[in-house]
Amino acid sequence: MAKFTYDAVVVGAGPAGVSAGLTMARQGLKVIIIERGRFAGAKNLSGGTLYTHALLELLPDLWDRDPPLERPVTEHGFWFLSKGAVTRLTHRSEQLAPVSYTVLRARFDRWFAEQAMEVGALLIGKTTVTDFLRGGRGEVVGITTDRPEGDLYAPIVIVAEGVNNLLTQKLGLAKADLWPEYVALGVKEVIGLSEEEVEKRFGLWGSEEGLAVQIFGDATIGLPGAAFLYTNRKSVSLGVAVILEDLVLHQLRPYEVLERFKNHRLMHPYLQGGKSLEYGAHLIPEWGYDHLPALVGDGVLVAGDAAGFVVSLQGGSNMAMISGKLAGEVAVEAHRQGGFSAEFLAQYRHRLEKSFILQDLKKFRRLTDFLNENPRFVTIYTDFLNEALGRYLAGPGMPMRGVQRDIIRALHKRRSWPGVTRDLLNFARVMLV
């Protein structure tokens, strides 16, 4: 039986896996990427934005490659939605170059994988990795797959399998179960509209403008989580993400939460007449810094969602790409120096600590716990914000001192003053410390 040997095996053709494969193949390593889906992007799902800093680190000549990006995000922000009102807080600047673009992942991921294949990486789809091959000391020396004669040998394996990190668990690097309180379930729909309608409904001036917003409050029925809305060239990406534990406790079906949000009377005008083009659901790791798996073993590295590299409210595509790039760089260095032990590969963790990835995860390590323990931030404070602004803006013609008293009473009815003070201090500790 033939023995198939490579310099490196990558498990998963998402942003992390492709970034690792691209980085290694560019340096001359013989790389194979194994993907369970029919093609790269076939089963991948995200809200729909990618950051240019990560793309440009991997592809400095990005703009010469005609990437399949949808719209540059020229307006970012947050909407706070209650049953009958919405407050929009967004930022737009003509002076700043776009830092992110909306994308449709099925198109983008396929294109991104092609960039890795152009420099020599081999991508094999419709193949499931079932286990690891071990050497005499228990080190990883390859993988087994569900294909006949599907064993692949390599001195290093980069695991970028996504949030369902069963292989990472087999390695003993992650705990055996996903915690429902630290995993969100995102449900997304892409709704087709004409280019003209997208621009008219969202106040965009041509195809070189785009909107990306996160929406809190009634969008998730007041549960910890958020909705999102991104404008593509001829469609809108819309979705909700709610902590899995809350969906179970409240006996909610995720598609029901999305349908309710879509039919909110303040959202309906943006979507009416649109045609459903795509629909999907995906788990989102929100484990936080304190619950990350071990990232390194003998002959193996873990990157992307499999490693839990997601920050609530920020997403994880940029972290996936840069972690894949760093894993690829360490693999190249391991080949140069012949060091594939966990001790040598530990420099991957050190590089992550110097990057924004582990620094941001450490900074926001308590964010998921805070939101789970303080649901009032997406309920009573969102409702209060809308009521307060409504009262203030309806104030002319009435004594403003009375309007201000009404606003203060409206807050006090919802939360005591000591409670408000504690909430603000706790929020500041999570976000600023």
Protein backbone atom coordinates (compact mmCIF):
# COMPACT_ATOMS: atom_id res chain seq x y z
CA MET A 1 0.00 0.00 0.00
CA ALA A 2 1.34 3.41 -0.97
CA LYS A 3 2.31 5.75 1.84
CA PHE A 4 1.21 9.35 1.25
CA THR A 5 3.61 11.74 2.93
CA TYR A 6 3.49 15.54 3.15
CA ASP A 7 5.37 18.25 4.96
CA ALA A 8 2.15 19.37 6.65
CA VAL A 9 -1.51 18.38 6.81
CA VAL A 10 -4.22 20.98 7.46
CA VAL A 11 -7.64 19.87 8.68
CA GLY A 12 -10.35 22.25 7.48
CA ALA A 13 -10.56 24.70 4.58
CA GLY A 14 -12.09 27.62 6.44
CA PRO A 15 -10.23 30.92 6.85
CA ALA A 16 -7.82 29.50 9.45
CA GLY A 17 -6.96 26.34 7.51
CA VAL A 18 -6.53 28.06 4.17
CA SER A 19 -4.40 30.79 5.76
CA ALA A 20 -2.13 28.13 7.26
CA GLY A 21 -1.92 26.22 3.98
CA LEU A 22 -1.23 29.38 1.98
CA THR A 23 1.52 30.47 4.38
CA MET A 24 3.30 27.10 4.31
CA ALA A 25 2.94 26.41 0.58
CA ARG A 26 4.32 29.85 -0.23
CA GLN A 27 7.47 28.85 1.66
CA GLY A 28 7.84 25.68 -0.38
CA LEU A 29 6.30 23.08 1.94
CA LYS A 30 4.33 20.21 0.46
CA VAL A 31 0.91 20.87 2.00
CA ILE A 32 -2.44 19.10 1.81
CA ILE A 33 -5.69 20.62 3.11
CA ILE A 34 -8.50 18.20 3.96
CA GLU A 35 -12.05 19.55 3.81
CA ARG A 36 -15.21 17.73 4.85
CA GLY A 37 -17.46 19.80 2.57
CA ARG A 38 -17.72 19.41 -1.18
CA PHE A 39 -15.52 22.48 -1.60
CA ALA A 40 -14.05 25.22 0.54
CA GLY A 41 -16.95 27.31 1.80
CA ALA A 42 -19.61 24.66 1.20
CA LYS A 43 -20.43 24.43 4.92
CA ASN A 44 -18.89 27.63 6.24
CA LEU A 45 -21.09 30.37 7.65
CA SER A 46 -20.49 33.74 9.26
CA GLY A 47 -22.29 37.02 9.64
CA GLY A 48 -20.54 38.23 6.55
CA THR A 49 -17.66 40.68 7.04
CA LEU A 50 -13.92 40.29 6.67
CA TYR A 51 -11.23 42.70 7.84
CA THR A 52 -8.78 44.03 5.28
CA HIS A 53 -5.84 44.00 7.72
CA ALA A 54 -5.97 40.20 7.91
CA LEU A 55 -6.41 39.76 4.17
CA LEU A 56 -3.57 42.12 3.35
CA GLU A 57 -1.21 40.34 5.78
CA LEU A 58 -1.83 37.15 3.84
CA LEU A 59 -2.14 38.64 0.36
CA PRO A 60 -0.27 41.95 0.10
CA ASP A 61 -1.29 42.15 -3.58
CA LEU A 62 -4.93 41.52 -2.66
CA TRP A 63 -6.40 44.18 -4.94
CA ASP A 64 -4.61 42.72 -7.96
CA ARG A 65 -6.32 39.38 -7.39
CA ASP A 66 -9.90 40.60 -7.88
CA PRO A 67 -11.26 39.24 -4.58
CA PRO A 68 -15.02 38.48 -4.51
CA LEU A 69 -15.90 41.10 -1.91
CA GLU A 70 -19.37 42.59 -1.79
CA ARG A 71 -19.32 46.12 -0.35
CA PRO A 72 -16.80 48.12 1.66
CA VAL A 73 -18.25 48.85 5.08
CA THR A 74 -18.38 52.63 5.21
CA GLU A 75 -20.90 52.83 8.05
CA HIS A 76 -20.54 50.78 11.23
CA GLY A 77 -22.64 50.82 14.33
CA PHE A 78 -25.27 49.54 16.69
CA TRP A 79 -29.05 49.61 16.75
CA PHE A 80 -30.96 49.31 20.03
CA LEU A 81 -34.36 47.84 19.31
CA SER A 82 -37.40 47.75 21.57
CA LYS A 83 -40.93 46.69 20.68
CA GLY A 84 -41.95 50.02 19.19
CA ALA A 85 -38.76 52.03 18.79
CA VAL A 86 -35.16 51.87 17.66
CA THR A 87 -32.14 54.02 18.46
CA ARG A 88 -29.38 53.93 15.90
CA LEU A 89 -25.78 54.70 16.80
CA THR A 90 -23.61 54.49 13.70
CA HIS A 91 -20.39 56.03 12.44
CA ARG A 92 -19.54 57.06 8.91
CA SER A 93 -16.43 58.86 7.72
CA GLU A 94 -15.24 59.80 4.26
CA GLN A 95 -11.69 60.20 5.57
CA LEU A 96 -11.15 56.60 6.64
CA ALA A 97 -10.43 53.78 4.22
CA PRO A 98 -12.76 50.79 4.73
CA VAL A 99 -11.41 48.40 7.34
CA SER A 100 -13.81 45.62 6.41
CA TYR A 101 -15.90 44.32 3.52
CA THR A 102 -19.08 42.30 3.43
CA VAL A 103 -18.72 38.90 1.79
CA LEU A 104 -20.74 35.86 0.82
CA ARG A 105 -18.70 33.06 2.32
CA ALA A 106 -19.47 30.34 -0.24
CA ARG A 107 -17.95 32.54 -2.96
CA PHE A 108 -15.16 34.05 -0.91
CA ASP A 109 -13.90 30.83 0.70
CA ARG A 110 -13.71 29.09 -2.64
CA TRP A 111 -11.68 31.98 -4.08
CA PHE A 112 -9.46 32.13 -0.98
CA ALA A 113 -8.67 28.42 -1.27
CA GLU A 114 -7.71 28.96 -4.90
CA GLN A 115 -5.06 31.44 -3.75
CA ALA A 116 -3.49 28.71 -1.60
CA MET A 117 -3.66 26.19 -4.44
CA GLU A 118 -1.96 28.64 -6.80
CA VAL A 119 1.16 28.50 -4.64
CA GLY A 120 1.13 24.71 -4.40
CA ALA A 121 -1.27 23.61 -1.65
CA LEU A 122 -3.38 20.57 -2.51
CA LEU A 123 -7.02 20.68 -1.37
CA ILE A 124 -9.10 17.50 -1.08
CA GLY A 125 -12.85 17.89 -0.43
CA LYS A 126 -15.58 15.48 0.61
CA THR A 127 -13.17 13.84 3.04
CA THR A 128 -13.57 13.45 6.79
CA VAL A 129 -10.62 13.18 9.12
CA THR A 130 -11.42 10.44 11.63
CA ASP A 131 -8.34 10.23 13.83
CA PHE A 132 -4.61 10.85 14.12
CA LEU A 133 -1.63 8.65 13.38
CA ARG A 134 0.83 8.40 16.24
CA GLY A 135 4.55 7.82 16.45
CA GLY A 136 6.46 5.79 18.98
CA ARG A 137 6.36 8.57 21.60
CA GLY A 138 2.67 9.25 21.06
CA GLU A 139 3.38 12.28 18.87
CA VAL A 140 1.07 13.08 15.96
CA VAL A 141 2.59 11.96 12.67
CA GLY A 142 -0.44 12.22 10.38
CA ILE A 143 -4.16 11.61 10.05
CA THR A 144 -6.61 8.90 9.09
CA THR A 145 -9.60 9.64 6.86
CA ASP A 146 -12.81 7.96 5.76
CA ARG A 147 -11.31 7.20 2.34
CA PRO A 148 -9.85 3.79 1.40
CA GLU A 149 -6.10 3.93 1.90
CA GLY A 150 -6.72 7.42 3.28
CA ASP A 151 -3.88 7.65 5.80
CA LEU A 152 -1.76 10.78 5.30
CA TYR A 153 1.60 11.21 7.01
CA ALA A 154 3.21 14.51 8.03
CA PRO A 155 5.45 15.63 10.87
CA ILE A 156 2.99 18.41 11.69
CA VAL A 157 -0.81 18.68 11.54
CA ILE A 158 -2.67 21.97 11.86
CA VAL A 159 -6.20 21.44 13.14
CA ALA A 160 -8.64 24.10 11.90
CA GLU A 161 -11.78 21.98 12.12
CA GLY A 162 -14.13 24.69 13.43
CA VAL A 163 -16.23 24.95 16.56
CA ASN A 164 -17.21 21.26 16.60
CA ASN A 165 -13.70 20.39 17.69
CA LEU A 166 -14.04 16.64 18.04
CA LEU A 167 -10.53 16.04 16.76
CA THR A 168 -9.09 18.55 19.21
CA GLN A 169 -10.89 16.63 21.93
CA LYS A 170 -9.40 13.34 20.65
CA LEU A 171 -5.99 14.89 21.07
CA GLY A 172 -6.80 15.60 24.70
CA LEU A 173 -6.30 19.33 24.10
CA ALA A 174 -9.96 20.29 24.68
CA LYS A 175 -12.60 19.14 27.12
CA ALA A 176 -15.00 16.47 25.92
CA ASP A 177 -18.10 18.66 25.71
CA LEU A 178 -19.05 22.11 24.47
CA TRP A 179 -20.49 24.23 27.25
CA PRO A 180 -23.98 25.42 26.23
CA GLU A 181 -23.47 28.62 28.24
CA TYR A 182 -20.36 29.42 26.20
CA VAL A 183 -21.63 28.58 22.73
CA ALA A 184 -23.96 30.76 20.69
CA LEU A 185 -26.14 29.49 17.88
CA GLY A 186 -26.25 31.85 14.93
CA VAL A 187 -29.01 31.67 12.33
CA LYS A 188 -28.56 33.65 9.13
CA GLU A 189 -30.58 34.40 6.02
CA VAL A 190 -29.45 36.16 2.86
CA ILE A 191 -32.33 38.14 1.36
CA GLY A 192 -32.05 39.21 -2.25
CA LEU A 193 -32.89 42.76 -3.29
CA SER A 194 -31.91 44.77 -6.33
CA GLU A 195 -28.76 46.84 -6.05
CA GLU A 196 -30.85 50.00 -6.28
CA GLU A 197 -33.14 48.88 -3.44
CA VAL A 198 -30.22 48.00 -1.17
CA GLU A 199 -28.78 51.46 -1.65
CA LYS A 200 -32.10 53.29 -1.34
CA ARG A 201 -33.26 51.48 1.80
CA PHE A 202 -30.00 51.87 3.68
CA GLY A 203 -28.97 55.32 2.48
CA LEU A 204 -25.94 54.16 0.50
CA TRP A 205 -24.40 56.17 -2.31
CA GLY A 206 -23.50 53.55 -4.91
CA SER A 207 -21.78 50.19 -4.66
CA GLU A 208 -18.73 51.60 -2.87
CA GLU A 209 -20.68 52.08 0.34
CA GLY A 210 -21.97 49.49 2.77
CA LEU A 211 -23.55 49.18 6.20
CA ALA A 212 -22.73 46.77 9.03
CA VAL A 213 -24.72 46.92 12.27
CA GLN A 214 -25.24 44.81 15.35
CA ILE A 215 -28.70 44.99 16.87
CA PHE A 216 -29.56 44.49 20.54
CA GLY A 217 -32.70 44.21 22.60
CA ASP A 218 -35.95 42.96 21.14
CA ALA A 219 -34.06 41.45 18.19
CA THR A 220 -33.21 38.48 20.44
CA ILE A 221 -36.34 38.70 22.62
CA GLY A 222 -34.16 40.26 25.29
CA LEU A 223 -31.91 37.21 25.60
CA PRO A 224 -28.10 37.55 25.75
CA GLY A 225 -26.94 37.77 22.17
CA ALA A 226 -27.33 40.05 19.21
CA ALA A 227 -28.71 40.32 15.72
CA PHE A 228 -26.74 41.57 12.74
CA LEU A 229 -27.44 43.16 9.40
CA TYR A 230 -24.92 43.57 6.58
CA THR A 231 -25.51 44.99 3.12
CA ASN A 232 -24.16 43.02 0.17
CA ARG A 233 -24.17 44.25 -3.40
CA LYS A 234 -27.57 42.75 -4.29
CA SER A 235 -28.71 41.30 -0.98
CA VAL A 236 -28.82 41.74 2.77
CA SER A 237 -27.30 39.31 5.28
CA LEU A 238 -29.49 39.18 8.35
CA GLY A 239 -29.25 36.95 11.39
CA VAL A 240 -29.44 36.42 15.13
CA ALA A 241 -27.04 34.76 17.56
CA VAL A 242 -28.23 33.60 20.98
CA ILE A 243 -26.47 31.62 23.70
CA LEU A 244 -27.40 27.96 23.27
CA GLU A 245 -28.28 27.48 26.93
CA ASP A 246 -30.90 30.24 26.74
CA LEU A 247 -32.54 28.72 23.68
CA VAL A 248 -32.88 25.44 25.58
CA LEU A 249 -34.10 27.04 28.83
CA HIS A 250 -36.76 29.09 27.03
CA GLN A 251 -37.65 26.26 24.62
CA LEU A 252 -37.02 28.48 21.61
CA ARG A 253 -36.29 27.33 18.10
CA PRO A 254 -33.59 29.53 16.58
CA TYR A 255 -35.43 30.02 13.29
CA GLU A 256 -38.42 31.33 15.27
CA VAL A 257 -36.20 34.02 16.83
CA LEU A 258 -35.00 35.05 13.37
CA GLU A 259 -38.52 35.10 11.90
CA ARG A 260 -39.75 37.23 14.78
CA PHE A 261 -36.90 39.67 14.24
CA LYS A 262 -37.50 39.85 10.48
CA ASN A 263 -41.17 40.63 11.07
CA HIS A 264 -40.55 43.37 13.63
CA ARG A 265 -42.50 46.35 12.38
CA LEU A 266 -39.39 48.55 12.39
CA MET A 267 -37.36 46.00 10.39
CA HIS A 268 -39.99 44.99 7.88
CA PRO A 269 -39.55 48.05 5.60
CA TYR A 270 -35.90 47.14 5.04
CA LEU A 271 -36.73 43.60 3.93
CA GLN A 272 -40.16 43.62 2.31
CA GLY A 273 -40.26 42.22 -1.19
CA GLY A 274 -36.90 40.48 -0.78
CA LYS A 275 -36.28 36.91 -1.89
CA SER A 276 -34.68 34.35 0.41
CA LEU A 277 -31.44 33.20 -1.24
CA GLU A 278 -29.59 31.37 1.53
CA TYR A 279 -30.42 30.08 5.00
CA GLY A 280 -28.17 28.41 7.52
CA ALA A 281 -27.18 27.98 11.15
CA HIS A 282 -23.81 27.65 12.82
CA LEU A 283 -22.40 27.37 16.34
CA ILE A 284 -20.13 30.17 17.54
CA PRO A 285 -17.48 29.50 20.21
CA GLU A 286 -17.63 32.09 22.97
CA TRP A 287 -15.48 30.18 25.42
CA GLY A 288 -13.32 33.14 26.29
CA TYR A 289 -9.69 33.25 27.33
CA ASP A 290 -10.21 31.18 30.48
CA HIS A 291 -11.72 28.22 28.63
CA LEU A 292 -9.47 27.94 25.59
CA PRO A 293 -8.17 24.48 24.70
CA ALA A 294 -4.47 23.76 24.78
CA LEU A 295 -3.21 25.05 21.44
CA VAL A 296 -0.11 22.90 21.02
CA GLY A 297 0.80 19.23 21.20
CA ASP A 298 3.60 17.06 19.86
CA GLY A 299 3.30 17.46 16.10
CA VAL A 300 0.06 19.45 16.19
CA LEU A 301 -1.29 23.02 16.39
CA VAL A 302 -4.90 24.24 16.75
CA ALA A 303 -6.19 27.40 15.03
CA GLY A 304 -9.36 29.37 14.35
CA ASP A 305 -12.76 28.44 15.81
CA ALA A 306 -11.40 25.07 16.96
CA ALA A 307 -9.17 27.06 19.31
CA GLY A 308 -12.04 29.32 20.41
CA PHE A 309 -10.63 32.44 18.77
CA VAL A 310 -13.79 34.54 18.82
CA VAL A 311 -14.57 37.68 20.82
CA SER A 312 -18.24 38.37 21.48
CA LEU A 313 -19.46 41.42 19.52
CA GLN A 314 -16.37 41.36 17.29
CA GLY A 315 -16.51 38.06 15.43
CA GLY A 316 -13.67 35.74 14.59
CA SER A 317 -12.80 35.68 10.87
CA ASN A 318 -9.81 37.98 11.31
CA MET A 319 -8.62 35.95 14.30
CA ALA A 320 -9.02 32.76 12.27
CA MET A 321 -6.91 34.09 9.40
CA ILE A 322 -4.12 35.47 11.54
CA SER A 323 -3.99 32.41 13.80
CA GLY A 324 -3.74 30.22 10.69
CA LYS A 325 -0.96 32.41 9.36
CA LEU A 326 0.95 32.21 12.67
CA ALA A 327 0.49 28.44 12.82
CA GLY A 328 1.81 28.16 9.27
CA GLU A 329 4.84 30.28 10.09
CA VAL A 330 5.67 28.13 13.12
CA ALA A 331 5.30 24.98 11.00
CA VAL A 332 7.77 26.40 8.46
CA GLU A 333 10.21 27.19 11.27
CA ALA A 334 9.75 23.67 12.68
CA HIS A 335 10.79 22.20 9.32
CA ARG A 336 13.82 24.44 9.13
CA GLN A 337 15.01 23.41 12.59
CA GLY A 338 13.61 19.89 12.71
CA GLY A 339 11.64 20.56 15.88
CA PHE A 340 8.11 19.19 16.05
CA SER A 341 7.82 18.64 19.77
CA ALA A 342 5.24 20.50 21.81
CA GLU A 343 8.12 22.34 23.48
CA PHE A 344 9.36 23.70 20.16
CA LEU A 345 5.88 24.40 18.80
CA ALA A 346 5.02 26.38 21.96
CA GLN A 347 6.33 29.44 20.13
CA TYR A 348 2.93 29.43 18.38
CA ARG A 349 1.32 30.34 21.71
CA HIS A 350 3.98 33.00 22.29
CA ARG A 351 3.28 34.58 18.91
CA LEU A 352 -0.45 34.55 19.61
CA GLU A 353 0.20 36.32 22.91
CA LYS A 354 2.07 39.08 21.09
CA SER A 355 -0.72 39.46 18.55
CA PHE A 356 -4.13 41.06 19.03
CA ILE A 357 -5.71 37.59 19.25
CA LEU A 358 -4.83 36.50 22.77
CA GLN A 359 -4.51 40.09 23.95
CA ASP A 360 -8.14 40.80 22.99
CA LEU A 361 -9.38 37.45 24.26
CA LYS A 362 -7.68 38.16 27.58
CA LYS A 363 -9.03 41.70 27.75
CA PHE A 364 -12.63 40.59 27.13
CA ARG A 365 -12.33 37.32 29.05
CA ARG A 366 -15.36 38.14 31.24
CA LEU A 367 -17.62 39.51 28.51
CA THR A 368 -19.69 36.36 27.87
CA ASP A 369 -20.18 35.77 31.60
CA PHE A 370 -21.13 39.41 32.09
CA LEU A 371 -23.79 39.34 29.37
CA ASN A 372 -25.16 36.01 30.63
CA GLU A 373 -25.38 37.33 34.18
CA ASN A 374 -26.73 40.77 33.21
CA PRO A 375 -29.47 40.29 30.60
CA ARG A 376 -30.90 43.68 31.58
CA PHE A 377 -28.28 45.29 29.33
CA VAL A 378 -30.24 44.01 26.34
CA THR A 379 -33.65 44.44 27.97
CA ILE A 380 -34.32 47.23 30.43
CA TYR A 381 -31.50 49.52 29.33
CA THR A 382 -32.41 49.19 25.65
CA ASP A 383 -36.06 49.91 26.47
CA PHE A 384 -35.06 52.83 28.70
CA LEU A 385 -32.83 54.34 26.03
CA ASN A 386 -35.66 54.36 23.53
CA GLU A 387 -38.19 55.70 26.05
CA ALA A 388 -35.82 58.43 27.26
CA LEU A 389 -35.04 59.66 23.76
CA GLY A 390 -38.72 59.50 22.86
CA ARG A 391 -39.66 61.64 25.84
CA TYR A 392 -36.84 64.10 25.23
CA LEU A 393 -37.54 64.57 21.55
CA ALA A 394 -41.26 65.01 22.27
CA GLY A 395 -40.39 67.58 24.92
CA PRO A 396 -40.58 70.96 23.09
CA GLY A 397 -43.70 72.77 24.29
CA MET A 398 -43.38 71.23 27.75
CA PRO A 399 -41.16 72.38 30.64
CA MET A 400 -37.88 70.60 30.09
CA ARG A 401 -37.30 70.19 33.81
CA GLY A 402 -40.44 68.06 33.96
CA VAL A 403 -39.31 66.03 30.95
CA GLN A 404 -36.00 65.34 32.65
CA ARG A 405 -37.78 64.25 35.85
CA ASP A 406 -39.92 61.85 33.81
CA ILE A 407 -36.82 60.36 32.21
CA ILE A 408 -35.16 59.86 35.60
CA ARG A 409 -38.32 58.24 36.99
CA ALA A 410 -38.47 55.95 33.94
CA LEU A 411 -35.01 54.64 34.75
CA HIS A 412 -35.67 54.35 38.47
CA LYS A 413 -38.79 52.26 37.82
CA ARG A 414 -36.63 49.75 35.98
CA ARG A 415 -33.55 49.68 38.20
CA SER A 416 -32.54 51.12 41.58
CA TRP A 417 -29.82 53.75 41.67
CA PRO A 418 -27.37 51.44 43.47
CA GLY A 419 -28.17 48.80 40.84
CA VAL A 420 -27.49 51.24 37.98
CA THR A 421 -24.21 52.26 39.59
CA ARG A 422 -23.12 48.62 40.00
CA ASP A 423 -24.09 47.83 36.43
CA LEU A 424 -22.08 50.73 35.03
CA LEU A 425 -19.02 49.88 37.13
CA ASN A 426 -19.17 46.20 36.15
CA PHE A 427 -19.61 47.11 32.50
CA ALA A 428 -16.61 49.45 32.69
CA ARG A 429 -14.48 46.71 34.28
CA VAL A 430 -15.35 44.28 31.50
CA MET A 431 -14.90 46.69 28.60
CA LEU A 432 -12.16 49.04 29.77
CA VAL A 433 -9.89 47.29 32.29
